[in-house]
PDB file of N, CA and C in Angstrom:
ATOM      1  N   MET A   1       0.955  -1.352  -0.087  1.00  0.00           N
ATOM      2  CA  MET A   1      -0.154   0.041  -0.065  1.00  0.00           C
ATOM      3  C   MET A   1       0.703   1.205   0.019  1.00  0.00           C
ATOM      4  N   ILE A   2       2.119   0.911   1.017  1.00  0.00           N
ATOM      5  CA  ILE A   2       2.745   2.415   0.799  1.00  0.00           C
ATOM      6  C   ILE A   2       3.299   2.443  -0.304  1.00  0.00           C
ATOM      7  N   THR A   3       3.939   1.574  -0.968  1.00  0.00           N
ATOM      8  CA  THR A   3       4.772   1.368  -2.464  1.00  0.00           C
ATOM      9  C   THR A   3       3.711   2.154  -3.522  1.00  0.00           C
ATOM     10  N   THR A   4       2.306   1.751  -3.436  1.00  0.00           N
ATOM     11  CA  THR A   4       1.454   2.125  -4.539  1.00  0.00           C
ATOM     12  C   THR A   4       1.067   3.703  -4.196  1.00  0.00           C
ATOM     13  N   ARG A   5       1.459   4.238  -2.938  1.00  0.00           N
ATOM     14  CA  ARG A   5       0.996   5.756  -2.639  1.00  0.00           C
ATOM     15  C   ARG A   5       2.235   6.466  -3.177  1.00  0.00           C
ATOM     16  N   ARG A   6       3.422   5.761  -2.679  1.00  0.00           N
ATOM     17  CA  ARG A   6       4.860   6.252  -3.248  1.00  0.00           C
ATOM     18  C   ARG A   6       4.802   6.385  -4.750  1.00  0.00           C
ATOM     19  N   THR A   7       4.589   5.659  -5.324  1.00  0.00           N
ATOM     20  CA  THR A   7       4.382   5.328  -7.033  1.00  0.00           C
ATOM     21  C   THR A   7       3.489   6.495  -7.638  1.00  0.00           C
ATOM     22  N   ILE A   8       2.359   6.658  -6.820  1.00  0.00           N
ATOM     23  CA  ILE A   8       1.208   7.541  -7.594  1.00  0.00           C
ATOM     24  C   ILE A   8       1.890   9.053  -7.209  1.00  0.00           C
ATOM     25  N   ILE A   9       2.505   9.142  -5.805  1.00  0.00           N
ATOM     26  CA  ILE A   9       3.097  10.835  -5.831  1.00  0.00           C
ATOM     27  C   ILE A   9       3.981  10.912  -6.524  1.00  0.00           C
ATOM     28  N   ILE A  10       5.110   9.993  -6.949  1.00  0.00           N
ATOM     29  CA  ILE A  10       6.029  10.225  -7.806  1.00  0.00           C
ATOM     30  C   ILE A  10       5.824  10.441  -9.240  1.00  0.00           C
ATOM     31  N   LEU A  11       4.695   9.986  -9.804  1.00  0.00           N
ATOM     32  CA  LEU A  11       4.345   9.972 -11.439  1.00  0.00           C
ATOM     33  C   LEU A  11       3.428  11.318 -11.227  1.00  0.00           C
ATOM     34  N   GLY A  12       2.628  11.608  -9.903  1.00  0.00           N
ATOM     35  CA  GLY A  12       1.948  12.820 -10.047  1.00  0.00           C
ATOM     36  C   GLY A  12       3.054  14.191 -10.153  1.00  0.00           C
ATOM     37  N   LEU A  13       4.317  13.819  -9.335  1.00  0.00           N
ATOM     38  CA  LEU A  13       5.390  15.144  -9.433  1.00  0.00           C
ATOM     39  C   LEU A  13       5.959  14.981 -10.719  1.00  0.00           C
ATOM     40  N   VAL A  14       6.463  14.010 -11.439  1.00  0.00           N
ATOM     41  CA  VAL A  14       6.853  14.172 -12.645  1.00  0.00           C
ATOM     42  C   VAL A  14       5.832  14.458 -13.885  1.00  0.00           C
ATOM     43  N   ALA A  15       4.617  14.279 -13.577  1.00  0.00           N
ATOM     44  CA  ALA A  15       3.378  14.558 -14.734  1.00  0.00           C
ATOM     45  C   ALA A  15       3.535  16.410 -14.602  1.00  0.00           C
ATOM     46  N   ALA A  16       3.537  16.734 -13.357  1.00  0.00           N
ATOM     47  CA  ALA A  16       3.495  18.418 -12.996  1.00  0.00           C
ATOM     48  C   ALA A  16       4.635  18.862 -13.435  1.00  0.00           C
ATOM     49  N   LEU A  17       6.132  18.348 -13.390  1.00  0.00           N
ATOM     50  CA  LEU A  17       7.172  19.087 -13.801  1.00  0.00           C
ATOM     51  C   LEU A  17       7.112  18.681 -15.322  1.00  0.00           C
ATOM     52  N   LEU A  18       6.779  17.911 -16.015  1.00  0.00           N
ATOM     53  CA  LEU A  18       6.905  17.847 -17.457  1.00  0.00           C
ATOM     54  C   LEU A  18       6.562  18.889 -18.534  1.00  0.00           C
ATOM     55  N   PRO A  19       5.421  19.437 -18.032  1.00  0.00           N
ATOM     56  CA  PRO A  19       5.063  20.634 -18.891  1.00  0.00           C
ATOM     57  C   PRO A  19       5.923  21.658 -18.747  1.00  0.00           C
ATOM     58  N   SER A  20       6.737  22.099 -17.899  1.00  0.00           N
ATOM     59  CA  SER A  20       7.359  23.213 -17.597  1.00  0.00           C
ATOM     60  C   SER A  20       8.772  22.699 -18.379  1.00  0.00           C
ATOM     61  N   ALA A  21       8.987  21.253 -18.251  1.00  0.00           N
ATOM     62  CA  ALA A  21      10.465  21.125 -19.348  1.00  0.00           C
ATOM     63  C   ALA A  21      10.328  21.258 -20.506  1.00  0.00           C
ATOM     64  N   VAL A  22       8.927  20.946 -21.196  1.00  0.00           N
ATOM     65  CA  VAL A  22       8.759  20.930 -22.500  1.00  0.00           C
ATOM     66  C   VAL A  22       8.582  22.659 -23.082  1.00  0.00           C
ATOM     67  N   TRP A  23       8.001  23.266 -21.945  1.00  0.00           N
ATOM     68  CA  TRP A  23       8.053  24.690 -22.180  1.00  0.00           C
ATOM     69  C   TRP A  23       9.257  25.063 -22.657  1.00  0.00           C
ATOM     70  N   ALA A  24      10.089  25.032 -21.567  1.00  0.00           N
ATOM     71  CA  ALA A  24      11.583  25.588 -21.543  1.00  0.00           C
ATOM     72  C   ALA A  24      12.247  25.258 -22.625  1.00  0.00           C
ATOM     73  N   ASP A  25      11.839  23.955 -23.317  1.00  0.00           N
ATOM     74  CA  ASP A  25      12.738  23.743 -24.730  1.00  0.00           C
ATOM     75  C   ASP A  25      11.915  24.428 -25.964  1.00  0.00           C
ATOM     76  N   ARG A  26      10.639  24.542 -25.574  1.00  0.00           N
ATOM     77  CA  ARG A  26      10.052  25.430 -26.795  1.00  0.00           C
ATOM     78  C   ARG A  26      10.571  26.949 -26.683  1.00  0.00           C
ATOM     79  N   GLU A  27      10.697  27.424 -25.533  1.00  0.00           N
ATOM     80  CA  GLU A  27      11.151  28.683 -25.262  1.00  0.00           C
ATOM     81  C   GLU A  27      12.578  28.953 -25.790  1.00  0.00           C
ATOM     82  N   ARG A  28      12.903  28.187 -25.298  1.00  0.00           N
ATOM     83  CA  ARG A  28      14.701  27.752 -25.988  1.00  0.00           C
ATOM     84  C   ARG A  28      14.808  28.018 -27.323  1.00  0.00           C
ATOM     85  N   ASP A  29      13.808  27.157 -27.792  1.00  0.00           N
ATOM     86  CA  ASP A  29      14.026  27.118 -29.622  1.00  0.00           C
ATOM     87  C   ASP A  29      13.622  28.609 -29.999  1.00  0.00           C
ATOM     88  N   SER A  30      12.545  28.891 -29.748  1.00  0.00           N
ATOM     89  CA  SER A  30      12.189  30.174 -30.224  1.00  0.00           C
ATOM     90  C   SER A  30      13.106  31.306 -30.138  1.00  0.00           C
ATOM     91  N   ASP A  31      13.583  31.348 -28.644  1.00  0.00           N
ATOM     92  CA  ASP A  31      14.682  32.437 -28.407  1.00  0.00           C
ATOM     93  C   ASP A  31      15.803  32.273 -29.544  1.00  0.00           C
ATOM     94  N   LEU A  32      16.158  30.809 -29.657  1.00  0.00           N
ATOM     95  CA  LEU A  32      17.415  30.995 -30.714  1.00  0.00           C
ATOM     96  C   LEU A  32      17.025  31.120 -31.878  1.00  0.00           C
ATOM     97  N   ALA A  33      15.953  30.715 -32.526  1.00  0.00           N
ATOM     98  CA  ALA A  33      15.265  31.196 -33.404  1.00  0.00           C
ATOM     99  C   ALA A  33      15.204  32.483 -34.117  1.00  0.00           C
ATOM    100  N   ARG A  34      14.878  33.425 -32.993  1.00  0.00           N
ATOM    101  CA  ARG A  34      14.518  34.809 -33.073  1.00  0.00           C
ATOM    102  C   ARG A  34      15.914  35.393 -33.184  1.00  0.00           C
ATOM    103  N   ARG A  35      16.826  34.971 -32.513  1.00  0.00           N
ATOM    104  CA  ARG A  35      18.087  35.821 -32.682  1.00  0.00           C
ATOM    105  C   ARG A  35      18.681  35.310 -34.029  1.00  0.00           C
ATOM    106  N   ALA A  36      18.719  34.122 -34.343  1.00  0.00           N
ATOM    107  CA  ALA A  36      19.361  34.123 -35.663  1.00  0.00           C
ATOM    108  C   ALA A  36      18.570  34.460 -36.728  1.00  0.00           C
ATOM    109  N   VAL A  37      17.221  34.849 -36.772  1.00  0.00           N
ATOM    110  CA  VAL A  37      16.573  35.507 -37.842  1.00  0.00           C
ATOM    111  C   VAL A  37      17.243  37.053 -37.563  1.00  0.00           C
ATOM    112  N   GLU A  38      17.322  37.423 -36.591  1.00  0.00           N
ATOM    113  CA  GLU A  38      17.670  39.013 -36.371  1.00  0.00           C
ATOM    114  C   GLU A  38      19.110  39.104 -36.988  1.00  0.00           C
ATOM    115  N   ARG A  39      19.746  38.075 -36.682  1.00  0.00           N
ATOM    116  CA  ARG A  39      21.309  37.933 -37.372  1.00  0.00           C
ATOM    117  C   ARG A  39      21.323  37.807 -38.655  1.00  0.00           C
ATOM    118  N   GLY A  40      20.304  37.521 -39.320  1.00  0.00           N
ATOM    119  CA  GLY A  40      20.325  37.402 -40.933  1.00  0.00           C
ATOM    120  C   GLY A  40      21.108  36.094 -41.074  1.00  0.00           C
ATOM    121  N   GLU A  41      20.806  34.965 -40.215  1.00  0.00           N
ATOM    122  CA  GLU A  41      21.489  33.622 -40.228  1.00  0.00           C
ATOM    123  C   GLU A  41      20.365  32.567 -40.649  1.00  0.00           C
ATOM    124  N   ALA A  42      19.163  32.788 -40.465  1.00  0.00           N
ATOM    125  CA  ALA A  42      18.155  32.199 -40.434  1.00  0.00           C
ATOM    126  C   ALA A  42      16.754  32.919 -41.059  1.00  0.00           C
ATOM    127  N   LEU A  43      16.011  32.071 -41.664  1.00  0.00           N
ATOM    128  CA  LEU A  43      14.587  32.706 -42.292  1.00  0.00           C
ATOM    129  C   LEU A  43      13.708  32.213 -41.180  1.00  0.00           C
ATOM    130  N   ALA A  44      12.585  33.224 -40.887  1.00  0.00           N
ATOM    131  CA  ALA A  44      11.660  33.089 -39.905  1.00  0.00           C
ATOM    132  C   ALA A  44      10.771  31.795 -40.627  1.00  0.00           C
ATOM    133  N   LEU A  45      10.280  31.108 -39.198  1.00  0.00           N
ATOM    134  CA  LEU A  45       9.465  29.902 -39.767  1.00  0.00           C
ATOM    135  C   LEU A  45       8.507  30.191 -40.377  1.00  0.00           C
ATOM    136  N   ALA A  46       7.681  31.343 -40.368  1.00  0.00           N
ATOM    137  CA  ALA A  46       6.542  31.347 -41.064  1.00  0.00           C
ATOM    138  C   ALA A  46       7.012  31.423 -42.635  1.00  0.00           C
ATOM    139  N   ASP A  47       8.220  32.092 -43.287  1.00  0.00           N
ATOM    140  CA  ASP A  47       8.689  32.042 -44.499  1.00  0.00           C
ATOM    141  C   ASP A  47       9.140  30.711 -44.869  1.00  0.00           C
ATOM    142  N   ILE A  48       9.836  29.939 -43.804  1.00  0.00           N
ATOM    143  CA  ILE A  48      10.188  28.519 -44.201  1.00  0.00           C
ATOM    144  C   ILE A  48       9.033  27.744 -44.704  1.00  0.00           C
ATOM    145  N   LEU A  49       7.895  27.802 -44.057  1.00  0.00           N
ATOM    146  CA  LEU A  49       6.740  27.395 -44.183  1.00  0.00           C
ATOM    147  C   LEU A  49       6.014  27.688 -45.654  1.00  0.00           C
ATOM    148  N   THR A  50       6.209  28.681 -45.837  1.00  0.00           N
ATOM    149  CA  THR A  50       5.643  29.141 -47.099  1.00  0.00           C
ATOM    150  C   THR A  50       6.201  28.345 -48.021  1.00  0.00           C
ATOM    151  N   ARG A  51       7.659  28.291 -48.029  1.00  0.00           N
ATOM    152  CA  ARG A  51       8.481  27.766 -49.225  1.00  0.00           C
ATOM    153  C   ARG A  51       8.304  26.120 -49.166  1.00  0.00           C
ATOM    154  N   VAL A  52       8.081  25.686 -47.938  1.00  0.00           N
ATOM    155  CA  VAL A  52       8.280  24.035 -48.166  1.00  0.00           C
ATOM    156  C   VAL A  52       7.301  23.349 -47.821  1.00  0.00           C
ATOM    157  N   ARG A  53       5.783  23.720 -47.163  1.00  0.00           N
ATOM    158  CA  ARG A  53       4.865  23.202 -46.856  1.00  0.00           C
ATOM    159  C   ARG A  53       4.241  21.981 -47.509  1.00  0.00           C
ATOM    160  N   SER A  54       4.170  22.709 -49.077  1.00  0.00           N
ATOM    161  CA  SER A  54       3.721  21.333 -50.026  1.00  0.00           C
ATOM    162  C   SER A  54       4.551  20.438 -50.320  1.00  0.00           C
ATOM    163  N   ASP A  55       6.037  20.235 -49.956  1.00  0.00           N
ATOM    164  CA  ASP A  55       6.934  19.297 -49.927  1.00  0.00           C
ATOM    165  C   ASP A  55       7.062  18.418 -48.770  1.00  0.00           C
ATOM    166  N   LEU A  56       6.418  18.952 -47.666  1.00  0.00           N
ATOM    167  CA  LEU A  56       6.566  18.240 -46.571  1.00  0.00           C
ATOM    168  C   LEU A  56       6.223  16.760 -46.490  1.00  0.00           C
ATOM    169  N   GLY A  57       4.998  16.639 -47.183  1.00  0.00           N
ATOM    170  CA  GLY A  57       4.490  15.162 -47.400  1.00  0.00           C
ATOM    171  C   GLY A  57       3.208  14.747 -46.108  1.00  0.00           C
ATOM    172  N   GLY A  58       2.686  16.077 -45.536  1.00  0.00           N
ATOM    173  CA  GLY A  58       2.019  15.829 -44.445  1.00  0.00           C
ATOM    174  C   GLY A  58       1.584  17.054 -43.479  1.00  0.00           C
ATOM    175  N   GLU A  59       1.218  16.419 -42.626  1.00  0.00           N
ATOM    176  CA  GLU A  59       0.707  17.760 -41.387  1.00  0.00           C
ATOM    177  C   GLU A  59       1.695  17.699 -40.550  1.00  0.00           C
ATOM    178  N   VAL A  60       2.437  19.147 -40.499  1.00  0.00           N
ATOM    179  CA  VAL A  60       3.111  19.315 -39.396  1.00  0.00           C
ATOM    180  C   VAL A  60       2.482  19.411 -38.010  1.00  0.00           C
ATOM    181  N   VAL A  61       2.986  18.381 -36.914  1.00  0.00           N
ATOM    182  CA  VAL A  61       2.567  18.323 -35.828  1.00  0.00           C
ATOM    183  C   VAL A  61       3.699  18.882 -34.680  1.00  0.00           C
ATOM    184  N   GLY A  62       4.872  19.281 -35.072  1.00  0.00           N
ATOM    185  CA  GLY A  62       5.840  19.935 -34.009  1.00  0.00           C
ATOM    186  C   GLY A  62       7.225  20.389 -34.830  1.00  0.00           C
ATOM    187  N   VAL A  63       7.903  21.222 -34.431  1.00  0.00           N
ATOM    188  CA  VAL A  63       8.885  21.832 -34.912  1.00  0.00           C
ATOM    189  C   VAL A  63      10.368  22.123 -34.076  1.00  0.00           C
ATOM    190  N   GLU A  64      11.275  21.848 -34.332  1.00  0.00           N
ATOM    191  CA  GLU A  64      12.214  22.228 -33.483  1.00  0.00           C
ATOM    192  C   GLU A  64      13.317  22.979 -33.970  1.00  0.00           C
ATOM    193  N   PHE A  65      14.279  23.739 -33.442  1.00  0.00           N
ATOM    194  CA  PHE A  65      14.994  24.646 -34.227  1.00  0.00           C
ATOM    195  C   PHE A  65      16.346  24.368 -33.752  1.00  0.00           C
ATOM    196  N   ASP A  66      17.305  24.121 -34.269  1.00  0.00           N
ATOM    197  CA  ASP A  66      18.875  23.917 -33.725  1.00  0.00           C
ATOM    198  C   ASP A  66      19.922  23.883 -34.505  1.00  0.00           C
ATOM    199  N   ARG A  67      20.980  23.895 -33.865  1.00  0.00           N
ATOM    200  CA  ARG A  67      22.416  24.280 -34.414  1.00  0.00           C
ATOM    201  C   ARG A  67      22.920  22.791 -34.941  1.00  0.00           C
ATOM    202  N   LYS A  68      23.195  22.654 -36.138  1.00  0.00           N
ATOM    203  CA  LYS A  68      23.910  21.061 -36.219  1.00  0.00           C
ATOM    204  C   LYS A  68      25.010  21.440 -37.424  1.00  0.00           C
ATOM    205  N   ARG A  69      26.127  20.815 -36.749  1.00  0.00           N
ATOM    206  CA  ARG A  69      27.262  20.877 -37.676  1.00  0.00           C
ATOM    207  C   ARG A  69      27.552  22.719 -37.752  1.00  0.00           C
ATOM    208  N   ASP A  70      27.720  23.206 -39.165  1.00  0.00           N
ATOM    209  CA  ASP A  70      27.794  24.557 -39.303  1.00  0.00           C
ATOM    210  C   ASP A  70      26.571  25.316 -40.022  1.00  0.00           C
ATOM    211  N   ARG A  71      25.417  24.790 -39.615  1.00  0.00           N
ATOM    212  CA  ARG A  71      24.025  25.725 -39.902  1.00  0.00           C
ATOM    213  C   ARG A  71      22.884  25.590 -38.961  1.00  0.00           C
ATOM    214  N   TRP A  72      21.892  26.230 -39.159  1.00  0.00           N
ATOM    215  CA  TRP A  72      20.588  26.451 -38.398  1.00  0.00           C
ATOM    216  C   TRP A  72      19.715  25.507 -39.471  1.00  0.00           C
ATOM    217  N   ILE A  73      19.067  24.447 -38.266  1.00  0.00           N
ATOM    218  CA  ILE A  73      18.357  23.620 -39.100  1.00  0.00           C
ATOM    219  C   ILE A  73      16.782  23.698 -38.416  1.00  0.00           C
ATOM    220  N   TYR A  74      15.598  23.833 -38.887  1.00  0.00           N
ATOM    221  CA  TYR A  74      14.264  23.465 -38.602  1.00  0.00           C
ATOM    222  C   TYR A  74      14.315  21.849 -38.797  1.00  0.00           C
ATOM    223  N   GLU A  75      13.902  21.298 -37.645  1.00  0.00           N
ATOM    224  CA  GLU A  75      13.400  20.076 -37.783  1.00  0.00           C
ATOM    225  C   GLU A  75      11.993  19.691 -37.524  1.00  0.00           C
ATOM    226  N   PHE A  76      11.207  19.372 -38.668  1.00  0.00           N
ATOM    227  CA  PHE A  76       9.546  19.118 -38.689  1.00  0.00           C
ATOM    228  C   PHE A  76       9.177  17.949 -38.112  1.00  0.00           C
ATOM    229  N   LYS A  77       8.372  17.665 -37.365  1.00  0.00           N
ATOM    230  CA  LYS A  77       7.738  16.398 -37.269  1.00  0.00           C
ATOM    231  C   LYS A  77       6.605  16.401 -38.187  1.00  0.00           C
ATOM    232  N   VAL A  78       6.199  15.586 -38.854  1.00  0.00           N
ATOM    233  CA  VAL A  78       5.215  15.370 -39.805  1.00  0.00           C
ATOM    234  C   VAL A  78       4.523  14.079 -39.894  1.00  0.00           C
ATOM    235  N   ILE A  79       2.897  14.044 -39.927  1.00  0.00           N
ATOM    236  CA  ILE A  79       2.626  12.842 -39.891  1.00  0.00           C
ATOM    237  C   ILE A  79       1.738  12.802 -41.483  1.00  0.00           C
ATOM    238  N   ASP A  80       2.347  11.681 -42.131  1.00  0.00           N
ATOM    239  CA  ASP A  80       1.667  11.580 -43.528  1.00  0.00           C
ATOM    240  C   ASP A  80       0.401  11.105 -43.435  1.00  0.00           C
ATOM    241  N   LEU A  81      -0.361  10.790 -44.935  1.00  0.00           N
ATOM    242  CA  LEU A  81      -1.516  10.188 -44.690  1.00  0.00           C
ATOM    243  C   LEU A  81      -2.032   9.198 -44.392  1.00  0.00           C
ATOM    244  N   THR A  82      -0.860   7.916 -44.414  1.00  0.00           N
ATOM    245  CA  THR A  82      -0.895   6.569 -43.538  1.00  0.00           C
ATOM    246  C   THR A  82      -0.885   6.772 -42.209  1.00  0.00           C
ATOM    247  N   GLY A  83      -0.315   8.088 -41.568  1.00  0.00           N
ATOM    248  CA  GLY A  83      -0.209   8.087 -40.241  1.00  0.00           C
ATOM    249  C   GLY A  83       1.136   7.944 -39.705  1.00  0.00           C
ATOM    250  N   ARG A  84       2.116   7.829 -40.741  1.00  0.00           N
ATOM    251  CA  ARG A  84       3.265   7.501 -40.332  1.00  0.00           C
ATOM    252  C   ARG A  84       4.050   8.888 -40.016  1.00  0.00           C
ATOM    253  N   LEU A  85       4.796   8.769 -39.074  1.00  0.00           N
ATOM    254  CA  LEU A  85       5.726   9.942 -38.450  1.00  0.00           C
ATOM    255  C   LEU A  85       6.971  10.240 -39.488  1.00  0.00           C
ATOM    256  N   TRP A  86       7.197  11.106 -39.694  1.00  0.00           N
ATOM    257  CA  TRP A  86       8.470  11.423 -40.477  1.00  0.00           C
ATOM    258  C   TRP A  86       9.246  12.761 -39.724  1.00  0.00           C
ATOM    259  N   GLU A  87      10.408  12.586 -39.632  1.00  0.00           N
ATOM    260  CA  GLU A  87      11.385  13.876 -39.262  1.00  0.00           C
ATOM    261  C   GLU A  87      11.876  14.692 -40.676  1.00  0.00           C
ATOM    262  N   VAL A  88      11.437  15.932 -40.871  1.00  0.00           N
ATOM    263  CA  VAL A  88      12.248  16.555 -41.896  1.00  0.00           C
ATOM    264  C   VAL A  88      13.033  17.785 -41.883  1.00  0.00           C
ATOM    265  N   TYR A  89      14.224  17.727 -42.250  1.00  0.00           N
ATOM    266  CA  TYR A  89      15.626  18.654 -41.653  1.00  0.00           C
ATOM    267  C   TYR A  89      15.307  19.595 -42.931  1.00  0.00           C
ATOM    268  N   VAL A  90      15.417  20.572 -42.459  1.00  0.00           N
ATOM    269  CA  VAL A  90      15.232  21.767 -43.354  1.00  0.00           C
ATOM    270  C   VAL A  90      16.135  23.002 -42.980  1.00  0.00           C
ATOM    271  N   ASP A  91      17.246  23.243 -44.108  1.00  0.00           N
ATOM    272  CA  ASP A  91      18.132  24.443 -43.521  1.00  0.00           C
ATOM    273  C   ASP A  91      17.292  25.846 -43.744  1.00  0.00           C
ATOM    274  N   ALA A  92      17.588  26.180 -42.538  1.00  0.00           N
ATOM    275  CA  ALA A  92      16.944  27.568 -42.026  1.00  0.00           C
ATOM    276  C   ALA A  92      17.579  28.727 -42.930  1.00  0.00           C
ATOM    277  N   ALA A  93      18.460  28.566 -43.447  1.00  0.00           N
ATOM    278  CA  ALA A  93      19.148  29.806 -44.401  1.00  0.00           C
ATOM    279  C   ALA A  93      18.376  29.993 -45.713  1.00  0.00           C
ATOM    280  N   THR A  94      18.385  28.668 -46.107  1.00  0.00           N
ATOM    281  CA  THR A  94      17.725  28.236 -47.655  1.00  0.00           C
ATOM    282  C   THR A  94      16.676  27.762 -47.918  1.00  0.00           C
ATOM    283  N   ALA A  95      15.891  27.265 -46.955  1.00  0.00           N
ATOM    284  CA  ALA A  95      14.636  26.528 -47.031  1.00  0.00           C
ATOM    285  C   ALA A  95      14.700  25.344 -47.836  1.00  0.00           C
ATOM    286  N   ALA A  96      15.872  24.991 -48.007  1.00  0.00           N
ATOM    287  CA  ALA A  96      16.330  23.437 -48.808  1.00  0.00           C
ATOM    288  C   ALA A  96      16.002  22.236 -47.690  1.00  0.00           C
ATOM    289  N   ILE A  97      15.022  21.360 -48.324  1.00  0.00           N
ATOM    290  CA  ILE A  97      15.092  20.001 -47.244  1.00  0.00           C
ATOM    291  C   ILE A  97      16.245  19.181 -47.471  1.00  0.00           C
ATOM    292  N   LEU A  98      16.990  19.138 -46.554  1.00  0.00           N
ATOM    293  CA  LEU A  98      17.964  18.063 -46.456  1.00  0.00           C
ATOM    294  C   LEU A  98      17.973  16.894 -46.415  1.00  0.00           C
ATOM    295  N   LYS A  99      17.074  16.474 -45.230  1.00  0.00           N
ATOM    296  CA  LYS A  99      17.010  15.009 -45.184  1.00  0.00           C
ATOM    297  C   LYS A  99      15.526  14.605 -44.709  1.00  0.00           C
ATOM    298  N   ARG A 100      14.997  13.416 -44.843  1.00  0.00           N
ATOM    299  CA  ARG A 100      14.118  13.023 -44.346  1.00  0.00           C
ATOM    300  C   ARG A 100      14.105  11.523 -43.422  1.00  0.00           C
ATOM    301  N   GLU A 101      13.325  11.261 -42.324  1.00  0.00           N
ATOM    302  CA  GLU A 101      13.572  10.040 -41.805  1.00  0.00           C
ATOM    303  C   GLU A 101      12.238   9.716 -41.268  1.00  0.00           C
ATOM    304  N   GLY A 102      11.943   8.427 -41.522  1.00  0.00           N
ATOM    305  CA  GLY A 102      10.741   8.039 -41.192  1.00  0.00           C
ATOM    306  C   GLY A 102      10.636   6.884 -39.923  1.00  0.00           C
ATOM    307  N   HIS A 103       9.734   7.040 -39.051  1.00  0.00           N
ATOM    308  CA  HIS A 103       9.745   6.464 -37.958  1.00  0.00           C
ATOM    309  C   HIS A 103       8.308   5.232 -38.050  1.00  0.00           C
TER     310      HIS A 103
END
């Protein structure tokens, strides 16, 4: 009984903390993107989506912004018509699709 209560308490704490951790990552990504756009190193997300939305192959369900090697990358999570999840990596400066990975 004590173990069950302890498990419930721990799961509750994890659930309470998880949204703030996810929010922090999103805030960090948006701050990085904003600064990169201001410096002219990347295009704004809206501009990227205008250029590549029809080539993404489905519905965008998530986006991340990160530095990989020597360039800024938008990583789109995309669900295609069959329900398959894809990660589509797009160069943030040129809007060129660099890679697709299916899951």
